[in-house]
C-alpha atoms as a PDB file:
ATOM      1  CA  UNK A   1    -218.985  17.434  44.451  1.00  0.00           C
ATOM      2  CA  UNK A   2    -221.948  18.106  42.198  1.00  0.00           C
ATOM      3  CA  UNK A   3    -221.791  15.967  39.084  1.00  0.00           C
ATOM      4  CA  UNK A   4    -223.613  16.583  35.853  1.00  0.00           C
ATOM      5  CA  UNK A   5    -226.813  14.676  35.247  1.00  0.00           C
ATOM      6  CA  UNK A   6    -226.613  11.785  32.800  1.00  0.00           C
ATOM      7  CA  UNK A   7    -230.087  10.497  32.151  1.00  0.00           C
ATOM      8  CA  UNK A   8    -230.318   6.839  31.295  1.00  0.00           C
ATOM      9  CA  UNK A   9    -227.043   5.742  32.866  1.00  0.00           C
ATOM     10  CA  UNK A  10    -227.515   2.644  35.057  1.00  0.00           C
ATOM     11  CA  UNK A  11    -227.307   2.850  38.854  1.00  0.00           C
ATOM     12  CA  UNK A  12    -225.813   0.025  40.928  1.00  0.00           C
ATOM     13  CA  UNK A  13    -226.912  -0.746  44.481  1.00  0.00           C
ATOM     14  CA  UNK A  14    -223.971  -0.251  46.819  1.00  0.00           C
ATOM     15  CA  UNK A  15    -225.719  -1.179  50.055  1.00  0.00           C
ATOM     16  CA  UNK A  16    -228.994  -1.513  51.967  1.00  0.00           C
ATOM     17  CA  UNK A  17    -229.480   0.064  55.384  1.00  0.00           C
ATOM     18  CA  UNK A  18    -232.257   0.157  57.952  1.00  0.00           C
ATOM     19  CA  UNK A  19    -231.736   3.847  58.900  1.00  0.00           C
ATOM     20  CA  UNK A  20    -230.991   6.964  56.911  1.00  0.00           C
ATOM     21  CA  UNK A  21    -228.031   7.815  59.144  1.00  0.00           C
ATOM     22  CA  UNK A  22    -226.245   4.575  58.206  1.00  0.00           C
ATOM     23  CA  UNK A  23    -226.973   5.104  54.521  1.00  0.00           C
ATOM     24  CA  UNK A  24    -225.826   8.731  54.720  1.00  0.00           C
ATOM     25  CA  UNK A  25    -222.488   7.667  56.252  1.00  0.00           C
ATOM     26  CA  UNK A  26    -221.912   5.286  53.351  1.00  0.00           C
ATOM     27  CA  UNK A  27    -222.936   7.972  50.846  1.00  0.00           C
ATOM     28  CA  UNK A  28    -220.522  10.513  52.289  1.00  0.00           C
ATOM     29  CA  UNK A  29    -217.715   7.942  52.260  1.00  0.00           C
ATOM     30  CA  UNK A  30    -218.378   7.083  48.610  1.00  0.00           C
ATOM     31  CA  UNK A  31    -218.698  10.740  47.552  1.00  0.00           C
ATOM     32  CA  UNK A  32    -215.000  11.217  48.236  1.00  0.00           C
ATOM     33  CA  UNK A  33    -214.208   9.006  45.240  1.00  0.00           C
ATOM     34  CA  UNK A  34    -213.633  10.860  42.022  1.00  0.00           C
ATOM     35  CA  UNK A  35    -215.992  10.430  39.040  1.00  0.00           C
ATOM     36  CA  UNK A  36    -218.701   8.707  41.070  1.00  0.00           C
ATOM     37  CA  UNK A  37    -222.296   9.805  41.571  1.00  0.00           C
ATOM     38  CA  UNK A  38    -223.976   8.658  44.789  1.00  0.00           C
ATOM     39  CA  UNK A  39    -227.542   8.895  46.057  1.00  0.00           C
ATOM     40  CA  UNK A  40    -229.718   7.522  48.866  1.00  0.00           C
ATOM     41  CA  UNK A  41    -233.142   6.191  47.956  1.00  0.00           C
ATOM     42  CA  UNK A  42    -235.939   5.538  50.453  1.00  0.00           C
ATOM     43  CA  UNK A  43    -237.721   2.239  49.956  1.00  0.00           C
ATOM     44  CA  UNK A  44    -240.750   1.001  51.900  1.00  0.00           C
ATOM     45  CA  UNK A  45    -238.783  -0.725  54.659  1.00  0.00           C
ATOM     46  CA  UNK A  46    -235.188   0.498  54.252  1.00  0.00           C
ATOM     47  CA  UNK A  47    -232.732   2.838  52.514  1.00  0.00           C
ATOM     48  CA  UNK A  48    -230.554   2.004  49.523  1.00  0.00           C
ATOM     49  CA  UNK A  49    -227.291   3.666  48.501  1.00  0.00           C
ATOM     50  CA  UNK A  50    -226.876   3.732  44.728  1.00  0.00           C
ATOM     51  CA  UNK A  51    -223.795   4.639  42.684  1.00  0.00           C
ATOM     52  CA  UNK A  52    -222.858   5.152  39.053  1.00  0.00           C
ATOM     53  CA  UNK A  53    -219.875   6.383  37.106  1.00  0.00           C
ATOM     54  CA  UNK A  54    -219.846  10.067  36.205  1.00  0.00           C
ATOM     55  CA  UNK A  55    -217.541   9.428  33.259  1.00  0.00           C
ATOM     56  CA  UNK A  56    -219.433   9.703  30.012  1.00  0.00           C
ATOM     57  CA  UNK A  57    -218.214   7.288  27.386  1.00  0.00           C
ATOM     58  CA  UNK A  58    -218.302   8.760  23.896  1.00  0.00           C
ATOM     59  CA  UNK A  59    -221.017   7.297  21.729  1.00  0.00           C
ATOM     60  CA  UNK A  60    -219.892   5.235  18.799  1.00  0.00           C
ATOM     61  CA  UNK A  61    -221.256   6.459  15.518  1.00  0.00           C
ATOM     62  CA  UNK A  62    -222.907   3.702  13.604  1.00  0.00           C
ATOM     63  CA  UNK A  63    -222.009   3.645   9.948  1.00  0.00           C
ATOM     64  CA  UNK A  64    -224.534   5.019   7.579  1.00  0.00           C
ATOM     65  CA  UNK A  65    -226.556   2.446   5.781  1.00  0.00           C
ATOM     66  CA  UNK A  66    -225.231   1.666   2.336  1.00  0.00           C
ATOM     67  CA  UNK A  67    -227.548   2.161  -0.562  1.00  0.00           C
ATOM     68  CA  UNK A  68    -229.794  -0.722  -1.553  1.00  0.00           C
ATOM     69  CA  UNK A  69    -227.952  -1.604  -4.744  1.00  0.00           C
ATOM     70  CA  UNK A  70    -224.440  -1.626  -3.244  1.00  0.00           C
ATOM     71  CA  UNK A  71    -224.031  -5.382  -3.301  1.00  0.00           C
ATOM     72  CA  UNK A  72    -225.651  -5.748  -6.722  1.00  0.00           C
ATOM     73  CA  UNK A  73    -223.253  -3.152  -8.112  1.00  0.00           C
ATOM     74  CA  UNK A  74    -220.358  -5.038  -6.547  1.00  0.00           C
ATOM     75  CA  UNK A  75    -221.480  -8.304  -8.178  1.00  0.00           C
ATOM     76  CA  UNK A  76    -221.805  -6.553 -11.535  1.00  0.00           C
ATOM     77  CA  UNK A  77    -218.250  -5.176 -11.187  1.00  0.00           C
ATOM     78  CA  UNK A  78    -216.918  -8.676 -10.409  1.00  0.00           C
ATOM     79  CA  UNK A  79    -218.694 -10.157 -13.425  1.00  0.00           C
ATOM     80  CA  UNK A  80    -217.337  -7.421 -15.721  1.00  0.00           C
ATOM     81  CA  UNK A  81    -213.784  -7.856 -14.414  1.00  0.00           C
ATOM     82  CA  UNK A  82    -213.952 -11.629 -15.053  1.00  0.00           C
ATOM     83  CA  UNK A  83    -214.847 -11.026 -18.725  1.00  0.00           C
END
């Protein structure tokens, strides 16, 4: 299963192995799971199997910044309504 690339998503270490064959077995086992990206990375002394979710969470839109005088206008409205 080829998943889409999602740059910036964090990878979690699923296991460390001394040979590529052991790491590849773990990778193939994990690839059967749905919505999971798996890779094997070679380090200096061993191999690491890394995983991350392939589900992309929708980004929350941050509210637009209110204009500078919003709170001053609100105070002025409160003062006028008190009168």
